[in-house]
Amino acid sequence: MSLAGFDNPVLDQQATFRAVMQALAEPGRILPAGARVGDASPLGPVARAIALSLLDFEVQFHLAPSLAEAEGDITFHTGSRRTDRRDDAEFAFVTLARDALDLAAYAQGTPDYPDRSTTVIIKVESLAGGPAMTIRGPGIAGTRRLEIPGLPADFAAQWAANAGRAPLGVDLIFVTNEAVLGLPRSTRIIEEAR
């Protein structure tokens, strides 16, 4: 399945890139998506905009099983290649409600090249209303609350292990059909609701 690309590729890609960078610079803050493209895509309009903005022929991507149908569309528009190995992917796409989330399975980078890790884009229904976690780290003045519904029960433990590998580890970008929220590897969960 291949859908139309951006209406204005340069401006839409710039807006999407800026939204993603802002989300990672201000972890846990819900921000409007830069651009939306392809409401009919299995990725949804925001994750698809991220794919069309950040992927190119030099990177590989991984699709969780619920999103396998998006492969042709992403490959057509970006020239990027799909890999079945999560630890080979620079970018990965997951639907939280339908796919398992195992952060350790993705590329973690190496001591010489920590940037060779996977950025995981996670589709969620909402960025608010779930069990509360308090986070802190660079880009957060004090602390911030994170309330993403549907996170796996072991998410805090997975994230602590991810943070313990710093400067290695994965970065997460949570997306709805309207917004983005970044969680870079430098962010720590300091308290979770019981």
N, C-alpha and C. Protein backbone atom coordinates (compact mmCIF):
# COMPACT_ATOMS: atom_id res chain seq x y z
N MET A 1 0.85 -1.17 0.00
CA MET A 1 0.00 0.00 0.00
C MET A 1 0.89 1.24 0.00
N SER A 2 0.66 2.13 -0.94
CA SER A 2 1.40 3.39 -0.98
C SER A 2 0.41 4.54 -1.01
N LEU A 3 0.59 5.47 -0.13
CA LEU A 3 -0.28 6.64 -0.03
C LEU A 3 0.46 7.86 -0.53
N ALA A 4 -0.26 8.93 -0.74
CA ALA A 4 0.38 10.18 -1.16
C ALA A 4 1.32 10.66 -0.06
N GLY A 5 2.34 11.39 -0.48
CA GLY A 5 3.29 11.96 0.47
C GLY A 5 2.80 13.29 1.00
N PHE A 6 3.72 14.09 1.51
CA PHE A 6 3.40 15.41 2.03
C PHE A 6 2.88 16.32 0.93
N ASP A 7 1.97 17.23 1.28
CA ASP A 7 1.52 18.25 0.34
C ASP A 7 2.66 19.21 0.01
N ASN A 8 3.41 19.60 1.02
CA ASN A 8 4.55 20.50 0.84
C ASN A 8 5.75 19.82 1.51
N PRO A 9 6.47 18.96 0.77
CA PRO A 9 7.51 18.13 1.39
C PRO A 9 8.54 18.89 2.23
N VAL A 10 9.05 19.98 1.73
CA VAL A 10 10.10 20.69 2.47
C VAL A 10 9.58 21.24 3.79
N LEU A 11 8.50 21.99 3.74
CA LEU A 11 7.97 22.61 4.96
C LEU A 11 7.42 21.57 5.93
N ASP A 12 6.72 20.55 5.40
CA ASP A 12 6.15 19.53 6.28
C ASP A 12 7.23 18.69 6.95
N GLN A 13 8.28 18.34 6.20
CA GLN A 13 9.38 17.59 6.81
C GLN A 13 10.11 18.42 7.85
N GLN A 14 10.31 19.70 7.57
CA GLN A 14 10.95 20.57 8.56
C GLN A 14 10.10 20.67 9.83
N ALA A 15 8.81 20.84 9.67
CA ALA A 15 7.92 20.95 10.83
C ALA A 15 7.92 19.66 11.65
N THR A 16 7.92 18.52 10.97
CA THR A 16 7.95 17.23 11.66
C THR A 16 9.27 17.05 12.40
N PHE A 17 10.37 17.35 11.73
CA PHE A 17 11.69 17.23 12.35
C PHE A 17 11.78 18.11 13.60
N ARG A 18 11.31 19.35 13.48
CA ARG A 18 11.35 20.26 14.63
C ARG A 18 10.49 19.74 15.78
N ALA A 19 9.32 19.18 15.48
CA ALA A 19 8.46 18.64 16.54
C ALA A 19 9.14 17.48 17.26
N VAL A 20 9.79 16.59 16.51
CA VAL A 20 10.48 15.46 17.13
C VAL A 20 11.65 15.94 17.98
N MET A 21 12.44 16.86 17.45
CA MET A 21 13.59 17.37 18.21
C MET A 21 13.13 18.11 19.47
N GLN A 22 12.05 18.86 19.37
CA GLN A 22 11.52 19.57 20.54
C GLN A 22 11.01 18.57 21.58
N ALA A 23 10.36 17.50 21.12
CA ALA A 23 9.86 16.48 22.05
C ALA A 23 11.01 15.80 22.79
N LEU A 24 12.11 15.53 22.10
CA LEU A 24 13.26 14.91 22.76
C LEU A 24 14.01 15.91 23.65
N ALA A 25 13.95 17.19 23.31
CA ALA A 25 14.61 18.21 24.12
C ALA A 25 13.84 18.53 25.39
N GLU A 26 12.52 18.27 25.37
CA GLU A 26 11.67 18.52 26.54
C GLU A 26 10.93 17.23 26.90
N PRO A 27 11.65 16.24 27.44
CA PRO A 27 11.06 14.93 27.68
C PRO A 27 9.77 14.99 28.49
N GLY A 28 8.81 14.17 28.09
CA GLY A 28 7.56 14.06 28.82
C GLY A 28 6.54 15.14 28.53
N ARG A 29 6.91 16.12 27.75
CA ARG A 29 5.98 17.21 27.42
C ARG A 29 5.20 16.83 26.17
N ILE A 30 3.88 16.93 26.24
CA ILE A 30 3.02 16.63 25.09
C ILE A 30 3.04 17.84 24.17
N LEU A 31 3.45 17.60 22.92
CA LEU A 31 3.59 18.68 21.95
C LEU A 31 2.77 18.37 20.70
N PRO A 32 2.28 19.40 20.03
CA PRO A 32 1.57 19.15 18.77
C PRO A 32 2.52 18.58 17.73
N ALA A 33 1.99 17.68 16.92
CA ALA A 33 2.80 17.10 15.84
C ALA A 33 3.11 18.18 14.82
N GLY A 34 4.25 18.08 14.20
CA GLY A 34 4.64 19.07 13.21
C GLY A 34 3.79 19.01 11.96
N ALA A 35 3.55 17.81 11.48
CA ALA A 35 2.73 17.62 10.27
C ALA A 35 2.05 16.26 10.40
N ARG A 36 1.02 16.11 9.62
CA ARG A 36 0.28 14.84 9.58
C ARG A 36 0.15 14.46 8.11
N VAL A 37 0.28 13.17 7.84
CA VAL A 37 0.14 12.74 6.45
C VAL A 37 -0.33 11.29 6.42
N GLY A 38 -1.37 11.02 5.67
CA GLY A 38 -1.83 9.66 5.46
C GLY A 38 -2.66 9.09 6.59
N ASP A 39 -3.82 9.65 6.82
CA ASP A 39 -4.70 9.15 7.88
C ASP A 39 -5.02 7.66 7.72
N ALA A 40 -5.01 7.15 6.48
CA ALA A 40 -5.36 5.76 6.23
C ALA A 40 -4.20 4.80 6.48
N SER A 41 -3.03 5.30 6.72
CA SER A 41 -1.85 4.45 6.92
C SER A 41 -1.97 3.68 8.23
N PRO A 42 -1.51 2.42 8.25
CA PRO A 42 -1.46 1.68 9.52
C PRO A 42 -0.62 2.41 10.57
N LEU A 43 0.34 3.20 10.13
CA LEU A 43 1.18 3.95 11.06
C LEU A 43 0.42 5.08 11.72
N GLY A 44 -0.62 5.57 11.07
CA GLY A 44 -1.30 6.78 11.54
C GLY A 44 -0.59 7.99 10.97
N PRO A 45 -1.22 9.14 11.00
CA PRO A 45 -0.69 10.31 10.30
C PRO A 45 0.58 10.91 10.91
N VAL A 46 0.78 10.79 12.21
CA VAL A 46 1.97 11.39 12.82
C VAL A 46 3.18 10.46 12.69
N ALA A 47 3.01 9.18 13.00
CA ALA A 47 4.13 8.24 12.85
C ALA A 47 4.55 8.16 11.39
N ARG A 48 3.60 8.23 10.47
CA ARG A 48 3.95 8.21 9.05
C ARG A 48 4.71 9.47 8.67
N ALA A 49 4.31 10.62 9.18
CA ALA A 49 5.04 11.86 8.91
C ALA A 49 6.47 11.75 9.44
N ILE A 50 6.65 11.14 10.59
CA ILE A 50 8.00 10.94 11.13
C ILE A 50 8.80 10.02 10.21
N ALA A 51 8.19 8.93 9.76
CA ALA A 51 8.88 8.02 8.85
C ALA A 51 9.31 8.74 7.58
N LEU A 52 8.41 9.50 6.98
CA LEU A 52 8.72 10.20 5.74
C LEU A 52 9.73 11.32 5.94
N SER A 53 9.89 11.80 7.16
CA SER A 53 10.83 12.89 7.44
C SER A 53 12.21 12.39 7.85
N LEU A 54 12.29 11.29 8.59
CA LEU A 54 13.56 10.87 9.17
C LEU A 54 14.23 9.70 8.45
N LEU A 55 13.47 8.90 7.73
CA LEU A 55 14.05 7.74 7.07
C LEU A 55 14.54 8.11 5.67
N ASP A 56 15.63 7.45 5.26
CA ASP A 56 16.12 7.60 3.90
C ASP A 56 16.84 6.31 3.50
N PHE A 57 17.50 6.31 2.35
CA PHE A 57 18.11 5.10 1.82
C PHE A 57 19.29 4.59 2.66
N GLU A 58 19.78 5.39 3.58
CA GLU A 58 20.93 4.98 4.39
C GLU A 58 20.55 4.26 5.68
N VAL A 59 19.28 4.21 6.03
CA VAL A 59 18.88 3.60 7.30
C VAL A 59 17.94 2.42 7.07
N GLN A 60 17.88 1.57 8.09
CA GLN A 60 16.94 0.45 8.09
C GLN A 60 15.89 0.70 9.16
N PHE A 61 14.70 0.17 8.92
CA PHE A 61 13.63 0.32 9.89
C PHE A 61 13.04 -1.05 10.20
N HIS A 62 12.46 -1.16 11.38
CA HIS A 62 11.76 -2.37 11.79
C HIS A 62 10.31 -2.02 12.03
N LEU A 63 9.42 -2.90 11.59
CA LEU A 63 7.99 -2.73 11.84
C LEU A 63 7.51 -3.87 12.73
N ALA A 64 6.83 -3.53 13.80
CA ALA A 64 6.19 -4.55 14.63
C ALA A 64 5.11 -5.23 13.79
N PRO A 65 4.71 -6.44 14.16
CA PRO A 65 3.75 -7.19 13.35
C PRO A 65 2.48 -6.43 13.00
N SER A 66 1.96 -5.62 13.89
CA SER A 66 0.71 -4.91 13.61
C SER A 66 0.86 -3.85 12.52
N LEU A 67 2.09 -3.50 12.18
CA LEU A 67 2.34 -2.44 11.21
C LEU A 67 2.99 -2.94 9.92
N ALA A 68 3.10 -4.26 9.76
CA ALA A 68 3.80 -4.84 8.61
C ALA A 68 3.26 -4.34 7.27
N GLU A 69 1.98 -4.03 7.23
CA GLU A 69 1.34 -3.56 6.00
C GLU A 69 1.92 -2.22 5.51
N ALA A 70 2.59 -1.49 6.37
CA ALA A 70 3.14 -0.18 6.00
C ALA A 70 4.48 -0.26 5.28
N GLU A 71 5.05 -1.44 5.16
CA GLU A 71 6.39 -1.57 4.58
C GLU A 71 6.52 -0.97 3.19
N GLY A 72 5.64 -1.34 2.28
CA GLY A 72 5.73 -0.84 0.90
C GLY A 72 5.64 0.67 0.83
N ASP A 73 4.76 1.24 1.61
CA ASP A 73 4.58 2.69 1.63
C ASP A 73 5.85 3.39 2.10
N ILE A 74 6.42 2.93 3.19
CA ILE A 74 7.63 3.56 3.72
C ILE A 74 8.79 3.41 2.74
N THR A 75 8.96 2.21 2.21
CA THR A 75 10.05 1.96 1.27
C THR A 75 9.90 2.82 0.02
N PHE A 76 8.69 2.92 -0.50
CA PHE A 76 8.44 3.72 -1.70
C PHE A 76 8.80 5.18 -1.48
N HIS A 77 8.36 5.74 -0.38
CA HIS A 77 8.55 7.18 -0.14
C HIS A 77 9.94 7.56 0.38
N THR A 78 10.64 6.62 1.02
CA THR A 78 11.91 6.99 1.67
C THR A 78 13.14 6.31 1.09
N GLY A 79 12.95 5.19 0.41
CA GLY A 79 14.10 4.42 -0.07
C GLY A 79 14.76 3.61 1.03
N SER A 80 14.21 3.67 2.23
CA SER A 80 14.75 2.94 3.37
C SER A 80 14.41 1.46 3.23
N ARG A 81 15.19 0.63 3.92
CA ARG A 81 14.98 -0.81 3.86
C ARG A 81 14.45 -1.34 5.19
N ARG A 82 13.52 -2.27 5.10
CA ARG A 82 12.99 -2.91 6.31
C ARG A 82 13.93 -4.04 6.72
N THR A 83 14.10 -4.21 8.01
CA THR A 83 14.83 -5.34 8.55
C THR A 83 13.93 -6.08 9.53
N ASP A 84 14.06 -7.39 9.56
CA ASP A 84 13.30 -8.18 10.53
C ASP A 84 13.99 -8.20 11.89
N ARG A 85 15.24 -7.77 11.92
CA ARG A 85 16.01 -7.75 13.17
C ARG A 85 15.90 -6.39 13.83
N ARG A 86 15.29 -6.37 15.00
CA ARG A 86 15.15 -5.10 15.72
C ARG A 86 16.51 -4.47 16.05
N ASP A 87 17.51 -5.32 16.30
CA ASP A 87 18.82 -4.79 16.68
C ASP A 87 19.64 -4.29 15.50
N ASP A 88 19.10 -4.36 14.29
CA ASP A 88 19.75 -3.79 13.10
C ASP A 88 19.11 -2.48 12.67
N ALA A 89 18.01 -2.12 13.28
CA ALA A 89 17.22 -0.97 12.82
C ALA A 89 17.65 0.32 13.49
N GLU A 90 17.74 1.38 12.69
CA GLU A 90 17.95 2.71 13.26
C GLU A 90 16.63 3.29 13.78
N PHE A 91 15.53 2.87 13.16
CA PHE A 91 14.20 3.30 13.58
C PHE A 91 13.29 2.08 13.66
N ALA A 92 12.37 2.09 14.61
CA ALA A 92 11.40 1.01 14.74
C ALA A 92 10.04 1.63 15.04
N PHE A 93 8.99 0.95 14.58
CA PHE A 93 7.62 1.42 14.76
C PHE A 93 6.81 0.33 15.43
N VAL A 94 6.10 0.70 16.50
CA VAL A 94 5.36 -0.23 17.33
C VAL A 94 4.00 0.37 17.65
N THR A 95 2.97 -0.48 17.74
CA THR A 95 1.67 -0.06 18.26
C THR A 95 1.57 -0.61 19.68
N LEU A 96 1.54 0.26 20.66
CA LEU A 96 1.59 -0.17 22.06
C LEU A 96 0.47 -1.13 22.42
N ALA A 97 -0.73 -0.90 21.91
CA ALA A 97 -1.88 -1.73 22.27
C ALA A 97 -1.82 -3.12 21.63
N ARG A 98 -0.99 -3.32 20.61
CA ARG A 98 -1.02 -4.58 19.87
C ARG A 98 0.31 -5.32 19.81
N ASP A 99 1.40 -4.67 20.16
CA ASP A 99 2.72 -5.29 20.01
C ASP A 99 3.47 -5.28 21.34
N ALA A 100 4.30 -6.30 21.53
CA ALA A 100 5.13 -6.36 22.74
C ALA A 100 6.21 -5.28 22.66
N LEU A 101 6.56 -4.73 23.79
CA LEU A 101 7.60 -3.71 23.86
C LEU A 101 8.75 -4.26 24.69
N ASP A 102 9.87 -4.55 24.03
CA ASP A 102 11.07 -5.07 24.68
C ASP A 102 12.24 -4.17 24.29
N LEU A 103 12.53 -3.19 25.12
CA LEU A 103 13.54 -2.18 24.79
C LEU A 103 14.92 -2.77 24.58
N ALA A 104 15.26 -3.83 25.30
CA ALA A 104 16.59 -4.43 25.19
C ALA A 104 16.80 -5.13 23.85
N ALA A 105 15.73 -5.42 23.12
CA ALA A 105 15.86 -6.12 21.84
C ALA A 105 16.32 -5.22 20.71
N TYR A 106 16.29 -3.91 20.91
CA TYR A 106 16.68 -2.97 19.87
C TYR A 106 18.17 -2.64 19.96
N ALA A 107 18.70 -2.07 18.89
CA ALA A 107 20.11 -1.67 18.87
C ALA A 107 20.37 -0.67 19.99
N GLN A 108 21.42 -0.89 20.74
CA GLN A 108 21.74 -0.06 21.90
C GLN A 108 22.87 0.93 21.61
N GLY A 109 23.50 0.83 20.44
CA GLY A 109 24.68 1.63 20.15
C GLY A 109 25.91 0.92 20.70
N THR A 110 27.07 1.52 20.48
CA THR A 110 28.33 0.98 21.00
C THR A 110 29.03 2.09 21.77
N PRO A 111 30.01 1.73 22.61
CA PRO A 111 30.72 2.79 23.34
C PRO A 111 31.33 3.85 22.41
N ASP A 112 31.84 3.43 21.26
CA ASP A 112 32.41 4.40 20.32
C ASP A 112 31.34 5.13 19.52
N TYR A 113 30.18 4.50 19.33
CA TYR A 113 29.11 5.08 18.52
C TYR A 113 27.76 4.91 19.21
N PRO A 114 27.52 5.63 20.29
CA PRO A 114 26.24 5.48 20.99
C PRO A 114 25.04 5.91 20.15
N ASP A 115 25.29 6.69 19.11
CA ASP A 115 24.20 7.13 18.24
C ASP A 115 23.71 6.02 17.31
N ARG A 116 24.38 4.90 17.30
CA ARG A 116 23.95 3.78 16.46
C ARG A 116 22.93 2.90 17.19
N SER A 117 22.05 3.55 17.88
CA SER A 117 20.98 2.85 18.59
C SER A 117 19.67 3.07 17.83
N THR A 118 18.65 2.38 18.26
CA THR A 118 17.34 2.50 17.63
C THR A 118 16.52 3.59 18.29
N THR A 119 15.87 4.39 17.47
CA THR A 119 14.83 5.30 17.95
C THR A 119 13.51 4.58 17.71
N VAL A 120 12.76 4.35 18.77
CA VAL A 120 11.51 3.59 18.67
C VAL A 120 10.34 4.56 18.69
N ILE A 121 9.53 4.52 17.63
CA ILE A 121 8.34 5.35 17.53
C ILE A 121 7.16 4.47 17.94
N ILE A 122 6.46 4.88 18.98
CA ILE A 122 5.41 4.05 19.58
C ILE A 122 4.06 4.72 19.43
N LYS A 123 3.17 4.07 18.67
CA LYS A 123 1.80 4.57 18.51
C LYS A 123 1.00 4.26 19.76
N VAL A 124 0.33 5.28 20.29
CA VAL A 124 -0.53 5.11 21.46
C VAL A 124 -1.86 5.80 21.20
N GLU A 125 -2.87 5.41 21.94
CA GLU A 125 -4.18 6.04 21.80
C GLU A 125 -4.22 7.41 22.45
N SER A 126 -3.47 7.54 23.55
CA SER A 126 -3.49 8.79 24.31
C SER A 126 -2.15 8.98 25.00
N LEU A 127 -1.82 10.21 25.31
CA LEU A 127 -0.60 10.51 26.05
C LEU A 127 -0.90 10.94 27.49
N ALA A 128 -2.15 10.78 27.89
CA ALA A 128 -2.56 11.18 29.24
C ALA A 128 -3.59 10.20 29.77
N GLY A 129 -3.70 10.14 31.09
CA GLY A 129 -4.74 9.33 31.71
C GLY A 129 -4.29 7.97 32.19
N GLY A 130 -3.03 7.60 31.97
CA GLY A 130 -2.53 6.32 32.45
C GLY A 130 -1.91 6.46 33.82
N PRO A 131 -1.35 5.37 34.35
CA PRO A 131 -0.68 5.43 35.65
C PRO A 131 0.44 6.48 35.62
N ALA A 132 0.52 7.26 36.66
CA ALA A 132 1.49 8.37 36.70
C ALA A 132 2.89 7.88 37.05
N MET A 133 3.86 8.46 36.35
CA MET A 133 5.27 8.28 36.66
C MET A 133 5.88 9.67 36.72
N THR A 134 6.81 9.85 37.61
CA THR A 134 7.53 11.12 37.69
C THR A 134 8.89 10.92 37.04
N ILE A 135 9.24 11.84 36.14
CA ILE A 135 10.51 11.73 35.43
C ILE A 135 11.34 12.98 35.67
N ARG A 136 12.64 12.81 35.49
CA ARG A 136 13.55 13.96 35.55
C ARG A 136 14.73 13.68 34.64
N GLY A 137 15.44 14.74 34.32
CA GLY A 137 16.61 14.61 33.48
C GLY A 137 16.82 15.87 32.67
N PRO A 138 17.80 15.85 31.77
CA PRO A 138 18.06 17.02 30.94
C PRO A 138 16.80 17.44 30.18
N GLY A 139 16.56 18.74 30.14
CA GLY A 139 15.39 19.27 29.44
C GLY A 139 14.15 19.40 30.31
N ILE A 140 14.26 18.96 31.57
CA ILE A 140 13.12 19.04 32.49
C ILE A 140 13.53 19.92 33.67
N ALA A 141 12.79 20.99 33.88
CA ALA A 141 13.04 21.85 35.04
C ALA A 141 12.40 21.18 36.25
N GLY A 142 13.20 20.56 37.08
CA GLY A 142 12.65 19.83 38.23
C GLY A 142 12.21 18.45 37.81
N THR A 143 10.90 18.22 37.85
CA THR A 143 10.34 16.93 37.44
C THR A 143 9.14 17.16 36.54
N ARG A 144 8.68 16.09 35.92
CA ARG A 144 7.50 16.14 35.06
C ARG A 144 6.76 14.81 35.22
N ARG A 145 5.44 14.87 35.09
CA ARG A 145 4.62 13.65 35.18
C ARG A 145 4.40 13.06 33.80
N LEU A 146 4.48 11.76 33.73
CA LEU A 146 4.24 11.01 32.51
C LEU A 146 3.07 10.08 32.80
N GLU A 147 2.03 10.11 31.95
CA GLU A 147 0.82 9.33 32.21
C GLU A 147 0.34 8.62 30.95
N ILE A 148 1.19 7.82 30.34
CA ILE A 148 0.84 7.15 29.09
C ILE A 148 0.09 5.86 29.39
N PRO A 149 -1.17 5.75 28.94
CA PRO A 149 -1.93 4.53 29.19
C PRO A 149 -1.37 3.36 28.37
N GLY A 150 -1.45 2.17 28.94
CA GLY A 150 -1.11 0.96 28.19
C GLY A 150 0.34 0.54 28.23
N LEU A 151 1.19 1.26 28.97
CA LEU A 151 2.58 0.82 29.06
C LEU A 151 2.63 -0.54 29.73
N PRO A 152 3.56 -1.41 29.32
CA PRO A 152 3.64 -2.72 29.97
C PRO A 152 3.96 -2.59 31.45
N ALA A 153 3.55 -3.57 32.22
CA ALA A 153 3.75 -3.54 33.67
C ALA A 153 5.22 -3.40 34.04
N ASP A 154 6.11 -3.92 33.19
CA ASP A 154 7.54 -3.85 33.50
C ASP A 154 8.23 -2.67 32.82
N PHE A 155 7.47 -1.68 32.37
CA PHE A 155 8.09 -0.57 31.64
C PHE A 155 9.12 0.17 32.49
N ALA A 156 8.80 0.47 33.74
CA ALA A 156 9.75 1.20 34.59
C ALA A 156 11.05 0.42 34.74
N ALA A 157 10.97 -0.90 34.88
CA ALA A 157 12.18 -1.72 34.99
C ALA A 157 12.95 -1.73 33.67
N GLN A 158 12.22 -1.85 32.56
CA GLN A 158 12.89 -1.79 31.25
C GLN A 158 13.59 -0.45 31.06
N TRP A 159 12.89 0.63 31.45
CA TRP A 159 13.47 1.96 31.26
C TRP A 159 14.68 2.17 32.18
N ALA A 160 14.63 1.65 33.40
CA ALA A 160 15.78 1.76 34.30
C ALA A 160 16.99 1.03 33.72
N ALA A 161 16.76 -0.15 33.14
CA ALA A 161 17.86 -0.89 32.51
C ALA A 161 18.39 -0.11 31.31
N ASN A 162 17.49 0.49 30.53
CA ASN A 162 17.90 1.30 29.38
C ASN A 162 18.75 2.48 29.85
N ALA A 163 18.30 3.17 30.88
CA ALA A 163 19.03 4.33 31.41
C ALA A 163 20.37 3.91 32.00
N GLY A 164 20.43 2.71 32.54
CA GLY A 164 21.67 2.20 33.12
C GLY A 164 22.75 1.93 32.10
N ARG A 165 22.37 1.84 30.84
CA ARG A 165 23.35 1.61 29.77
C ARG A 165 23.92 2.92 29.21
N ALA A 166 23.45 4.05 29.70
CA ALA A 166 23.87 5.35 29.15
C ALA A 166 25.39 5.44 29.09
N PRO A 167 25.94 6.01 28.04
CA PRO A 167 25.26 6.76 26.98
C PRO A 167 24.62 5.88 25.91
N LEU A 168 24.67 4.56 26.11
CA LEU A 168 24.00 3.67 25.17
C LEU A 168 22.52 3.61 25.52
N GLY A 169 21.73 2.95 24.67
CA GLY A 169 20.31 2.78 24.94
C GLY A 169 19.46 3.38 23.84
N VAL A 170 18.17 3.10 23.92
CA VAL A 170 17.23 3.57 22.91
C VAL A 170 16.56 4.87 23.36
N ASP A 171 16.05 5.60 22.39
CA ASP A 171 15.22 6.77 22.64
C ASP A 171 13.81 6.43 22.17
N LEU A 172 12.81 6.96 22.85
CA LEU A 172 11.42 6.67 22.50
C LEU A 172 10.70 7.94 22.08
N ILE A 173 9.84 7.80 21.07
CA ILE A 173 8.95 8.88 20.66
C ILE A 173 7.55 8.29 20.64
N PHE A 174 6.71 8.73 21.56
CA PHE A 174 5.32 8.30 21.62
C PHE A 174 4.50 9.23 20.74
N VAL A 175 3.58 8.67 19.95
CA VAL A 175 2.76 9.49 19.06
C VAL A 175 1.29 9.07 19.14
N THR A 176 0.43 10.07 19.05
CA THR A 176 -1.00 9.83 18.82
C THR A 176 -1.27 10.34 17.41
N ASN A 177 -2.52 10.49 17.05
CA ASN A 177 -2.86 11.05 15.74
C ASN A 177 -2.71 12.56 15.69
N GLU A 178 -2.35 13.17 16.82
CA GLU A 178 -2.25 14.63 16.89
C GLU A 178 -0.98 15.15 17.55
N ALA A 179 -0.31 14.33 18.36
CA ALA A 179 0.75 14.85 19.22
C ALA A 179 1.94 13.90 19.32
N VAL A 180 3.03 14.43 19.88
CA VAL A 180 4.24 13.65 20.12
C VAL A 180 4.72 13.90 21.55
N LEU A 181 5.45 12.92 22.08
CA LEU A 181 6.07 13.03 23.40
C LEU A 181 7.37 12.25 23.32
N GLY A 182 8.48 12.88 23.68
CA GLY A 182 9.78 12.23 23.61
C GLY A 182 10.24 11.73 24.96
N LEU A 183 10.98 10.64 24.94
CA LEU A 183 11.59 10.10 26.14
C LEU A 183 13.00 9.64 25.75
N PRO A 184 13.97 10.55 25.82
CA PRO A 184 15.34 10.17 25.48
C PRO A 184 15.97 9.32 26.58
N ARG A 185 17.01 8.61 26.23
CA ARG A 185 17.65 7.68 27.16
C ARG A 185 18.20 8.34 28.41
N SER A 186 18.42 9.64 28.37
CA SER A 186 18.96 10.37 29.53
C SER A 186 17.91 10.67 30.60
N THR A 187 16.64 10.40 30.30
CA THR A 187 15.55 10.67 31.24
C THR A 187 15.41 9.51 32.22
N ARG A 188 15.17 9.83 33.47
CA ARG A 188 15.02 8.81 34.52
C ARG A 188 13.61 8.84 35.09
N ILE A 189 13.07 7.65 35.36
CA ILE A 189 11.82 7.54 36.11
C ILE A 189 12.21 7.50 37.58
N ILE A 190 11.73 8.47 38.35
CA ILE A 190 12.12 8.51 39.76
C ILE A 190 11.02 8.04 40.69
N GLU A 191 9.80 7.92 40.16
CA GLU A 191 8.68 7.47 40.99
C GLU A 191 7.57 7.00 40.07
N GLU A 192 6.97 5.88 40.42
CA GLU A 192 5.82 5.42 39.65
C GLU A 192 4.65 5.15 40.57
N ALA A 193 3.45 5.33 40.03
CA ALA A 193 2.23 5.10 40.82
C ALA A 193 2.09 3.62 41.11
N ARG A 194 1.55 3.33 42.22
CA ARG A 194 1.31 1.92 42.61
C ARG A 194 -0.15 1.59 42.48
